[in-house]
Each structure stands twice: as C-alpha cells, then as structure tokens.
C-alpha atoms as a PDB file:
ATOM      1  CA  UNK A   1      54.272  52.813 140.661  1.00  0.00           C
ATOM      2  CA  UNK A   2      51.121  52.446 138.562  1.00  0.00           C
ATOM      3  CA  UNK A   3      48.604  55.270 138.224  1.00  0.00           C
ATOM      4  CA  UNK A   4      45.148  54.828 136.723  1.00  0.00           C
ATOM      5  CA  UNK A   5      43.563  57.862 135.109  1.00  0.00           C
ATOM      6  CA  UNK A   6      40.023  58.107 133.731  1.00  0.00           C
ATOM      7  CA  UNK A   7      39.932  59.368 130.152  1.00  0.00           C
ATOM      8  CA  UNK A   8      37.486  59.689 127.260  1.00  0.00           C
ATOM      9  CA  UNK A   9      37.446  56.577 125.082  1.00  0.00           C
ATOM     10  CA  UNK A  10      37.682  58.791 122.001  1.00  0.00           C
ATOM     11  CA  UNK A  11      41.098  60.143 123.036  1.00  0.00           C
ATOM     12  CA  UNK A  12      43.698  57.842 121.545  1.00  0.00           C
ATOM     13  CA  UNK A  13      47.034  57.666 119.751  1.00  0.00           C
ATOM     14  CA  UNK A  14      49.120  60.815 119.737  1.00  0.00           C
ATOM     15  CA  UNK A  15      46.688  62.651 122.041  1.00  0.00           C
ATOM     16  CA  UNK A  16      47.277  59.975 124.717  1.00  0.00           C
ATOM     17  CA  UNK A  17      51.034  60.310 124.218  1.00  0.00           C
ATOM     18  CA  UNK A  18      50.754  64.099 124.734  1.00  0.00           C
ATOM     19  CA  UNK A  19      48.699  63.598 127.919  1.00  0.00           C
ATOM     20  CA  UNK A  20      51.272  61.216 129.375  1.00  0.00           C
ATOM     21  CA  UNK A  21      54.231  63.377 128.337  1.00  0.00           C
ATOM     22  CA  UNK A  22      52.604  66.390 129.983  1.00  0.00           C
ATOM     23  CA  UNK A  23      51.979  64.483 133.193  1.00  0.00           C
ATOM     24  CA  UNK A  24      55.485  63.035 133.388  1.00  0.00           C
ATOM     25  CA  UNK A  25      57.176  66.381 132.630  1.00  0.00           C
ATOM     26  CA  UNK A  26      60.281  64.745 131.181  1.00  0.00           C
ATOM     27  CA  UNK A  27      60.409  61.714 133.500  1.00  0.00           C
ATOM     28  CA  UNK A  28      60.447  58.254 131.988  1.00  0.00           C
ATOM     29  CA  UNK A  29      57.453  55.997 132.084  1.00  0.00           C
ATOM     30  CA  UNK A  30      55.246  53.559 130.233  1.00  0.00           C
ATOM     31  CA  UNK A  31      51.546  53.783 129.509  1.00  0.00           C
ATOM     32  CA  UNK A  32      48.717  51.552 128.376  1.00  0.00           C
ATOM     33  CA  UNK A  33      45.472  52.837 126.883  1.00  0.00           C
ATOM     34  CA  UNK A  34      42.687  50.646 128.275  1.00  0.00           C
ATOM     35  CA  UNK A  35      39.854  52.502 126.534  1.00  0.00           C
ATOM     36  CA  UNK A  36      38.190  54.508 129.292  1.00  0.00           C
ATOM     37  CA  UNK A  37      41.263  54.455 131.531  1.00  0.00           C
ATOM     38  CA  UNK A  38      44.952  55.088 131.100  1.00  0.00           C
ATOM     39  CA  UNK A  39      47.502  53.117 133.094  1.00  0.00           C
ATOM     40  CA  UNK A  40      50.777  54.974 133.649  1.00  0.00           C
ATOM     41  CA  UNK A  41      53.821  53.261 135.175  1.00  0.00           C
ATOM     42  CA  UNK A  42      56.604  55.542 136.396  1.00  0.00           C
ATOM     43  CA  UNK A  43      58.870  56.208 139.343  1.00  0.00           C
ATOM     44  CA  UNK A  44      58.028  59.930 139.112  1.00  0.00           C
ATOM     45  CA  UNK A  45      55.183  61.291 141.220  1.00  0.00           C
ATOM     46  CA  UNK A  46      52.181  62.486 139.243  1.00  0.00           C
ATOM     47  CA  UNK A  47      50.249  65.618 140.207  1.00  0.00           C
ATOM     48  CA  UNK A  48      47.906  64.864 143.076  1.00  0.00           C
ATOM     49  CA  UNK A  49      46.158  66.611 145.910  1.00  0.00           C
ATOM     50  CA  UNK A  50      42.562  67.454 146.546  1.00  0.00           C
ATOM     51  CA  UNK A  51      40.180  67.106 143.630  1.00  0.00           C
ATOM     52  CA  UNK A  52      39.587  64.523 140.952  1.00  0.00           C
ATOM     53  CA  UNK A  53      42.189  64.186 138.210  1.00  0.00           C
ATOM     54  CA  UNK A  54      40.667  63.214 134.862  1.00  0.00           C
ATOM     55  CA  UNK A  55      41.581  63.019 131.211  1.00  0.00           C
ATOM     56  CA  UNK A  56      39.432  65.266 129.045  1.00  0.00           C
ATOM     57  CA  UNK A  57      38.597  66.204 125.508  1.00  0.00           C
ATOM     58  CA  UNK A  58      36.919  69.423 124.390  1.00  0.00           C
ATOM     59  CA  UNK A  59      35.989  70.577 120.904  1.00  0.00           C
ATOM     60  CA  UNK A  60      35.595  74.349 121.034  1.00  0.00           C
ATOM     61  CA  UNK A  61      35.212  77.331 118.776  1.00  0.00           C
ATOM     62  CA  UNK A  62      37.944  79.563 120.184  1.00  0.00           C
ATOM     63  CA  UNK A  63      37.562  83.256 119.495  1.00  0.00           C
ATOM     64  CA  UNK A  64      37.423  86.730 120.944  1.00  0.00           C
ATOM     65  CA  UNK A  65      34.710  89.241 120.166  1.00  0.00           C
ATOM     66  CA  UNK A  66      35.669  92.501 118.512  1.00  0.00           C
ATOM     67  CA  UNK A  67      32.868  94.995 117.759  1.00  0.00           C
ATOM     68  CA  UNK A  68      30.289  92.208 118.023  1.00  0.00           C
ATOM     69  CA  UNK A  69      32.089  89.926 115.573  1.00  0.00           C
ATOM     70  CA  UNK A  70      34.087  86.806 116.349  1.00  0.00           C
ATOM     71  CA  UNK A  71      37.806  87.047 115.653  1.00  0.00           C
ATOM     72  CA  UNK A  72      39.473  83.685 115.204  1.00  0.00           C
ATOM     73  CA  UNK A  73      43.133  83.053 115.887  1.00  0.00           C
ATOM     74  CA  UNK A  74      45.451  81.584 113.240  1.00  0.00           C
ATOM     75  CA  UNK A  75      45.389  77.779 113.411  1.00  0.00           C
ATOM     76  CA  UNK A  76      49.068  77.795 114.428  1.00  0.00           C
ATOM     77  CA  UNK A  77      48.478  80.092 117.438  1.00  0.00           C
ATOM     78  CA  UNK A  78      48.317  77.553 120.261  1.00  0.00           C
ATOM     79  CA  UNK A  79      49.258  80.154 122.905  1.00  0.00           C
ATOM     80  CA  UNK A  80      46.040  82.121 122.359  1.00  0.00           C
ATOM     81  CA  UNK A  81      44.039  78.880 122.506  1.00  0.00           C
ATOM     82  CA  UNK A  82      45.689  77.888 125.786  1.00  0.00           C
ATOM     83  CA  UNK A  83      44.984  81.387 127.157  1.00  0.00           C
ATOM     84  CA  UNK A  84      41.309  81.016 126.140  1.00  0.00           C
ATOM     85  CA  UNK A  85      41.102  77.685 127.970  1.00  0.00           C
ATOM     86  CA  UNK A  86      42.837  79.213 130.998  1.00  0.00           C
ATOM     87  CA  UNK A  87      40.082  81.851 131.231  1.00  0.00           C
ATOM     88  CA  UNK A  88      37.416  79.155 130.883  1.00  0.00           C
ATOM     89  CA  UNK A  89      38.968  76.900 133.525  1.00  0.00           C
ATOM     90  CA  UNK A  90      38.772  79.687 136.111  1.00  0.00           C
ATOM     91  CA  UNK A  91      35.113  80.245 135.215  1.00  0.00           C
ATOM     92  CA  UNK A  92      34.292  76.511 135.366  1.00  0.00           C
ATOM     93  CA  UNK A  93      36.097  75.304 138.487  1.00  0.00           C
ATOM     94  CA  UNK A  94      39.009  73.225 137.234  1.00  0.00           C
ATOM     95  CA  UNK A  95      42.772  73.400 136.848  1.00  0.00           C
ATOM     96  CA  UNK A  96      44.676  72.320 133.765  1.00  0.00           C
ATOM     97  CA  UNK A  97      47.456  69.869 134.567  1.00  0.00           C
ATOM     98  CA  UNK A  98      48.452  69.322 130.949  1.00  0.00           C
ATOM     99  CA  UNK A  99      46.826  70.182 127.624  1.00  0.00           C
ATOM    100  CA  UNK A 100      47.497  69.830 123.916  1.00  0.00           C
ATOM    101  CA  UNK A 101      45.458  71.400 121.157  1.00  0.00           C
ATOM    102  CA  UNK A 102      45.072  71.168 117.422  1.00  0.00           C
ATOM    103  CA  UNK A 103      43.100  73.588 115.289  1.00  0.00           C
ATOM    104  CA  UNK A 104      41.571  73.829 111.870  1.00  0.00           C
ATOM    105  CA  UNK A 105      38.919  75.853 110.118  1.00  0.00           C
ATOM    106  CA  UNK A 106      35.471  74.260 109.928  1.00  0.00           C
ATOM    107  CA  UNK A 107      33.451  75.312 106.888  1.00  0.00           C
ATOM    108  CA  UNK A 108      29.681  75.360 107.301  1.00  0.00           C
ATOM    109  CA  UNK A 109      28.059  75.183 103.864  1.00  0.00           C
ATOM    110  CA  UNK A 110      24.298  75.254 104.346  1.00  0.00           C
ATOM    111  CA  UNK A 111      22.757  77.199 101.458  1.00  0.00           C
ATOM    112  CA  UNK A 112      22.054  80.036 101.360  1.00  0.00           C
ATOM    113  CA  UNK A 113      24.785  80.572 103.973  1.00  0.00           C
ATOM    114  CA  UNK A 114      28.423  79.570 103.897  1.00  0.00           C
ATOM    115  CA  UNK A 115      30.812  80.534 106.667  1.00  0.00           C
ATOM    116  CA  UNK A 116      33.906  79.369 108.525  1.00  0.00           C
ATOM    117  CA  UNK A 117      34.362  78.823 112.255  1.00  0.00           C
ATOM    118  CA  UNK A 118      37.318  77.811 114.391  1.00  0.00           C
ATOM    119  CA  UNK A 119      37.533  74.129 115.330  1.00  0.00           C
ATOM    120  CA  UNK A 120      39.977  73.577 118.203  1.00  0.00           C
ATOM    121  CA  UNK A 121      40.386  70.136 119.760  1.00  0.00           C
ATOM    122  CA  UNK A 122      41.790  70.199 123.292  1.00  0.00           C
ATOM    123  CA  UNK A 123      42.976  66.996 124.961  1.00  0.00           C
ATOM    124  CA  UNK A 124      44.628  66.818 128.333  1.00  0.00           C
ATOM    125  CA  UNK A 125      44.351  66.240 132.039  1.00  0.00           C
ATOM    126  CA  UNK A 126      42.437  68.414 134.468  1.00  0.00           C
ATOM    127  CA  UNK A 127      41.792  68.552 138.194  1.00  0.00           C
ATOM    128  CA  UNK A 128      38.384  69.485 139.564  1.00  0.00           C
ATOM    129  CA  UNK A 129      38.758  72.206 142.207  1.00  0.00           C
ATOM    130  CA  UNK A 130      35.206  73.581 142.461  1.00  0.00           C
ATOM    131  CA  UNK A 131      32.738  70.693 142.004  1.00  0.00           C
ATOM    132  CA  UNK A 132      29.628  72.911 141.781  1.00  0.00           C
ATOM    133  CA  UNK A 133      31.066  75.069 138.989  1.00  0.00           C
ATOM    134  CA  UNK A 134      32.466  72.005 137.247  1.00  0.00           C
ATOM    135  CA  UNK A 135      29.070  70.264 137.328  1.00  0.00           C
ATOM    136  CA  UNK A 136      27.570  73.286 135.563  1.00  0.00           C
ATOM    137  CA  UNK A 137      30.332  73.140 132.938  1.00  0.00           C
ATOM    138  CA  UNK A 138      29.467  69.494 132.257  1.00  0.00           C
ATOM    139  CA  UNK A 139      25.785  70.336 132.004  1.00  0.00           C
ATOM    140  CA  UNK A 140      25.994  73.597 130.049  1.00  0.00           C
ATOM    141  CA  UNK A 141      29.231  73.248 128.094  1.00  0.00           C
ATOM    142  CA  UNK A 142      32.285  75.456 127.714  1.00  0.00           C
ATOM    143  CA  UNK A 143      32.290  78.366 125.317  1.00  0.00           C
ATOM    144  CA  UNK A 144      29.315  79.984 123.633  1.00  0.00           C
ATOM    145  CA  UNK A 145      30.021  79.662 119.932  1.00  0.00           C
ATOM    146  CA  UNK A 146      29.047  76.833 117.540  1.00  0.00           C
ATOM    147  CA  UNK A 147      27.106  74.690 120.001  1.00  0.00           C
ATOM    148  CA  UNK A 148      24.626  73.904 117.225  1.00  0.00           C
ATOM    149  CA  UNK A 149      27.533  72.192 115.448  1.00  0.00           C
ATOM    150  CA  UNK A 150      28.550  70.024 118.428  1.00  0.00           C
ATOM    151  CA  UNK A 151      31.099  72.329 120.041  1.00  0.00           C
ATOM    152  CA  UNK A 152      31.509  73.027 123.760  1.00  0.00           C
ATOM    153  CA  UNK A 153      30.847  69.601 125.287  1.00  0.00           C
ATOM    154  CA  UNK A 154      33.467  68.579 127.850  1.00  0.00           C
ATOM    155  CA  UNK A 155      34.131  64.830 127.502  1.00  0.00           C
ATOM    156  CA  UNK A 156      35.697  63.010 130.472  1.00  0.00           C
END
C-alpha cells in the first residue's frame, strides 16, 4: 500500500530515512522523496486515526532555566531533547509519532557580545490532536529562546 505524507521540502537525505524508519518501526518498505511529499510503500500499517499526520522540522534552542540562566544539555544528550519536545507537544496540541534530532552549539559573535546557544534540529512526523493549540504553535513558534536567530519556527 502507498501512503503519501506531507513534509517540509527542506527535510531530505538522512532525515527522511529516519522519518520513514520511525514510521515503519522495523517493517520493510520503500520511500520516494517528492519534495513537499513523501511516498511510502509498505505492507505494514502506518499510524493513523483522527488528526492530520505531517512531516515536520523544528530548529530550537533546547534548555532548562536554572536560577534565571539557561542550562544547555550536552550535544550528545538526545533523551533530554526528546523530553523537552514532549513537554512542548503537550502544550501545543500535537503528538509525536517519530522524531530524530541532531544538536550543535551555535556561536553568536556580534561585538561587543559573544555567546553560545544550543542549536537542536528536530525532524519527524507528528499528528495534530488539538487544532486550535496547534494553530497557535504555527503562528507563535515553539520555545522561547533564540527566536531573533531564527529558532522556534515549526516547518510542515
């Protein structure tokens, strides 16, 4: 059976592979990246039900606040990043079907200031469960840190 999934055009290569692998959960299948859609052919059923299922990309500054200061996780700590996204998904009306993240440190060097922020790139598949909350997430972004540097915008 063929499934067609909407995805951001910017998500490609290994990120697409991770999305498909997460959806198939070990089942075999083929996929074709058609730019803004992903065609998946498999005998295995994909997650379905009520709500829209979409591919997504999110660049976020993942942190926790401690005494008013941001504390960033080590770049190898994907579990803390997934937990951060789990808290955000509850707040913004969606479920995570599958997600993959990569992280690095982003250095902002604008004299007289120089500082480092977390740069986490999430790619995956989500299901909209609360359309009103989700619409606000699209409009206002996810996360509060580093928006001036292009972070927080959910790309579908």
